Amino acid sequence: MKLLEDKIKECGFVATSDILDVSQFLNAQVDVELMQAIGKDFADYYKNHDFDVFVTVESSGIAPSVFASLYANKPLIVIKKDQTEKDNEVFAQQACYSYTKKNAYYLTTRTKLIENKRAILIDDFLAQGSVVKNVELLLASVNATHVATGICISKNYQPGYQKLIEEGHDLYCQAQIKSLDPETNTVIFE
C-alpha cells in the first residue's frame, strides 16, 4: 500500500535494524485519515472472504481494525493482553511472548465473543509471527476458525513472514519491509 509506505518513509524512525518507530502515525499519535485508508484497504481485500468477525490484539492494531470493521460491516473483537490467568469457563486464554518487549502475557477474550466464529486477524506488525500463531491457537481452543491475517507492516526479513507463507496462511501485508538501516534512517521495501 503506497500510502502507508510513503508515511513510513516520511515519519518512521529506524531505531535499530529490527525496530521501526511508527509512533508519529500508528501507535502513539494516530493518523486517523491513514487508519481510515488502511481499514478500507483491508475491507476491500477481504470482501470475498467468508468470515464473521475481525479480531485484533490491543493496542496498536485497534485503529486500523476499527476502520476495517466499519467498511466491511463486521464486528471487531479486541483481544486483551493480561498478566494473569482468568476463569477458563468465561474467558479463552493463550500464553504469548513479545519478542519486541521481551515479556510474557496471556491473550484473553470472553469465550462467547469468538466461539465458533470465522475470524480475520488484523495486526500492526509482523516480525516473529508469535501473535499470529497464538491468536490461531486461541481461536482453535473455542472452535473458532482463523480465516486470514491482515498486517499493516511486515518485516519480511524476520522469520514470521516466511514461516506463515510456508505454512499456507492467507496473509495480506500492506507494507513489506526488506530491511531497516538505522545509520541512514532508511527503510527498504520489497
Protein backbone atom coordinates (compact mmCIF):
# COMPACT_ATOMS: atom_id res chain seq x y z
CA MET A 1 0.00 0.00 0.00
CA LYS A 2 1.83 3.04 -1.29
CA LEU A 3 0.14 5.49 1.09
CA LEU A 4 1.42 3.55 4.12
CA GLU A 5 4.90 3.12 2.63
CA ASP A 6 5.08 6.87 1.96
CA LYS A 7 4.06 7.63 5.56
CA ILE A 8 6.71 5.22 6.88
CA LYS A 9 9.36 6.97 4.74
CA GLU A 10 8.17 10.40 5.89
CA CYS A 11 7.54 9.81 9.61
CA GLY A 12 9.02 6.46 10.59
CA PHE A 13 12.22 6.32 12.61
CA VAL A 14 14.59 3.37 12.27
CA ALA A 15 15.75 2.83 15.86
CA THR A 16 17.67 -0.39 15.14
CA SER A 17 17.87 -2.92 12.32
CA ASP A 18 14.90 -4.66 14.00
CA ILE A 19 12.86 -1.74 15.39
CA LEU A 20 10.86 0.74 13.32
CA ASP A 21 9.28 3.51 15.40
CA VAL A 22 5.89 4.47 13.95
CA SER A 23 4.70 6.42 16.99
CA GLN A 24 4.02 9.54 14.88
CA PHE A 25 1.16 7.89 12.99
CA LEU A 26 0.23 4.41 14.27
CA ASN A 27 0.85 3.55 17.90
CA ALA A 28 1.10 6.78 19.93
CA GLN A 29 -0.17 9.59 17.74
CA VAL A 30 -2.73 8.16 15.33
CA ASP A 31 -3.13 9.50 11.79
CA VAL A 32 -6.88 8.91 11.50
CA GLU A 33 -7.05 9.51 7.75
CA LEU A 34 -4.28 6.97 7.19
CA MET A 35 -6.00 4.46 9.50
CA GLN A 36 -9.23 5.00 7.56
CA ALA A 37 -7.43 4.27 4.27
CA ILE A 38 -5.71 1.21 5.79
CA GLY A 39 -9.03 -0.08 7.13
CA LYS A 40 -10.76 0.43 3.78
CA ASP A 41 -7.92 -1.41 2.04
CA PHE A 42 -8.32 -4.38 4.41
CA ALA A 43 -12.12 -4.37 3.96
CA ASP A 44 -11.75 -4.29 0.17
CA TYR A 45 -9.16 -7.08 0.22
CA TYR A 46 -11.32 -9.35 2.39
CA LYS A 47 -14.71 -8.57 0.82
CA ASN A 48 -14.95 -12.02 -0.82
CA HIS A 49 -13.75 -13.95 2.24
CA ASP A 50 -16.28 -15.91 4.30
CA PHE A 51 -15.87 -14.60 7.87
CA ASP A 52 -17.88 -13.39 10.86
CA VAL A 53 -15.57 -11.04 12.78
CA PHE A 54 -12.31 -9.17 12.73
CA VAL A 55 -10.04 -9.72 15.72
CA THR A 56 -7.03 -7.70 16.84
CA VAL A 57 -4.72 -7.69 19.82
CA GLU A 58 -4.58 -4.49 21.87
CA SER A 59 -3.48 -1.86 21.32
CA SER A 60 -1.82 -0.71 18.10
CA GLY A 61 -3.97 -2.92 15.90
CA ILE A 62 -7.18 -1.29 17.15
CA ALA A 63 -7.18 1.85 14.97
CA PRO A 64 -6.82 0.13 11.58
CA SER A 65 -9.16 -2.69 12.69
CA VAL A 66 -11.95 -0.29 13.64
CA PHE A 67 -11.99 1.10 10.12
CA ALA A 68 -11.74 -2.37 8.53
CA SER A 69 -14.72 -3.38 10.66
CA LEU A 70 -16.66 -0.26 9.68
CA TYR A 71 -16.07 -0.65 5.94
CA ALA A 72 -16.70 -4.42 5.95
CA ASN A 73 -19.73 -4.07 8.24
CA LYS A 74 -18.35 -6.80 10.52
CA PRO A 75 -17.89 -6.80 14.31
CA LEU A 76 -14.45 -6.25 15.83
CA ILE A 77 -13.24 -8.25 18.84
CA VAL A 78 -10.27 -6.76 20.73
CA ILE A 79 -8.16 -9.45 22.38
CA LYS A 80 -6.62 -8.19 25.61
CA LYS A 81 -3.12 -8.75 26.96
CA ASP A 82 -3.43 -9.95 30.57
CA GLN A 83 -0.68 -10.66 33.06
CA THR A 84 -2.71 -13.26 34.98
CA GLU A 85 -4.84 -16.29 34.23
CA LYS A 86 -8.62 -15.89 34.33
CA ASP A 87 -11.61 -18.18 34.87
CA ASN A 88 -11.48 -20.53 31.88
CA GLU A 89 -15.25 -21.05 31.99
CA VAL A 90 -15.78 -17.42 30.96
CA PHE A 91 -12.54 -16.47 29.22
CA ALA A 92 -10.43 -18.03 26.48
CA GLN A 93 -6.70 -17.53 27.01
CA GLN A 94 -3.46 -18.36 25.26
CA ALA A 95 0.05 -17.79 26.61
CA CYS A 96 2.11 -15.50 24.37
CA TYR A 97 5.55 -13.90 24.35
CA SER A 98 6.52 -10.49 22.95
CA TYR A 99 9.96 -10.59 21.37
CA THR A 100 9.91 -6.80 21.00
CA LYS A 101 9.07 -6.03 24.63
CA LYS A 102 10.61 -9.24 25.96
CA ASN A 103 7.71 -10.19 28.21
CA ALA A 104 5.14 -12.95 28.55
CA TYR A 105 1.39 -12.40 28.80
CA TYR A 106 -1.94 -14.07 28.10
CA LEU A 107 -4.07 -13.27 25.07
CA THR A 108 -7.53 -13.04 26.64
CA THR A 109 -11.09 -12.65 25.41
CA ARG A 110 -14.54 -13.69 26.52
CA THR A 111 -15.24 -17.12 25.05
CA LYS A 112 -18.77 -16.23 23.92
CA LEU A 113 -17.44 -13.44 21.67
CA ILE A 114 -15.36 -15.72 19.44
CA GLU A 115 -16.68 -19.23 19.99
CA ASN A 116 -17.47 -20.96 16.65
CA LYS A 117 -16.71 -17.78 14.67
CA ARG A 118 -14.72 -17.38 11.47
CA ALA A 119 -12.18 -14.64 12.22
CA ILE A 120 -9.70 -12.48 10.34
CA LEU A 121 -6.83 -11.13 12.42
CA ILE A 122 -5.65 -7.56 11.79
CA ASP A 123 -2.35 -6.52 13.42
CA ASP A 124 0.06 -3.62 13.17
CA PHE A 125 3.35 -5.52 12.77
CA LEU A 126 4.55 -8.96 11.74
CA ALA A 127 8.06 -9.94 12.85
CA GLN A 128 8.46 -13.33 14.54
CA GLY A 129 4.86 -14.42 13.94
CA SER A 130 4.21 -15.15 17.62
CA VAL A 131 0.97 -13.16 17.85
CA VAL A 132 -0.46 -14.73 14.70
CA LYS A 133 0.33 -18.27 15.84
CA ASN A 134 -1.03 -17.67 19.34
CA VAL A 135 -4.22 -15.99 18.13
CA GLU A 136 -4.71 -19.03 15.91
CA LEU A 137 -4.33 -21.31 18.96
CA LEU A 138 -6.70 -19.11 21.00
CA LEU A 139 -9.35 -19.31 18.27
CA ALA A 140 -8.93 -23.07 17.89
CA SER A 141 -9.41 -23.54 21.64
CA VAL A 142 -13.03 -22.34 21.30
CA ASN A 143 -13.79 -23.98 17.94
CA ALA A 144 -13.28 -20.74 16.04
CA THR A 145 -11.52 -20.60 12.68
CA HIS A 146 -8.59 -18.36 11.79
CA VAL A 147 -9.51 -17.47 8.20
CA ALA A 148 -6.78 -14.97 7.31
CA THR A 149 -4.37 -12.37 8.65
CA GLY A 150 -4.00 -8.74 7.60
CA ILE A 151 -0.80 -6.96 8.60
CA CYS A 152 -0.08 -3.24 8.29
CA ILE A 153 3.73 -3.54 8.37
CA SER A 154 5.59 -6.81 7.79
CA LYS A 155 9.30 -7.14 8.50
CA ASN A 156 9.84 -9.77 5.81
CA TYR A 157 13.50 -10.26 6.78
CA GLN A 158 12.43 -11.69 10.15
CA PRO A 159 11.19 -15.30 10.34
CA GLY A 160 7.46 -14.74 10.86
CA TYR A 161 6.54 -13.80 7.29
CA GLN A 162 8.31 -16.71 5.59
CA LYS A 163 7.12 -19.20 8.22
CA LEU A 164 3.46 -18.20 7.78
CA ILE A 165 3.74 -18.32 3.97
CA GLU A 166 5.32 -21.78 4.11
CA GLU A 167 2.51 -22.98 6.38
CA GLY A 168 -0.06 -21.81 3.83
CA HIS A 169 -1.57 -18.91 5.77
CA ASP A 170 -3.80 -16.49 3.92
CA LEU A 171 -1.62 -13.45 4.62
CA TYR A 172 -2.04 -9.91 3.32
CA CYS A 173 0.65 -7.35 4.20
CA GLN A 174 0.15 -3.71 3.23
CA ALA A 175 3.79 -2.62 3.62
CA GLN A 176 6.50 -5.26 3.28
CA ILE A 177 9.92 -4.28 4.59
CA LYS A 178 13.04 -5.90 3.18
CA SER A 179 15.48 -4.17 5.57
CA LEU A 180 15.98 -1.33 8.06
CA ASP A 181 19.15 0.78 8.21
CA PRO A 182 19.47 2.78 11.44
CA GLU A 183 22.62 4.61 10.29
CA THR A 184 20.79 6.31 7.42
CA ASN A 185 17.23 6.00 8.82
CA THR A 186 16.33 4.10 5.65
CA VAL A 187 13.51 1.63 5.13
CA ILE A 188 13.84 -0.64 2.08
CA PHE A 189 10.55 -2.14 0.87
CA GLU A 190 10.05 -5.37 -1.09
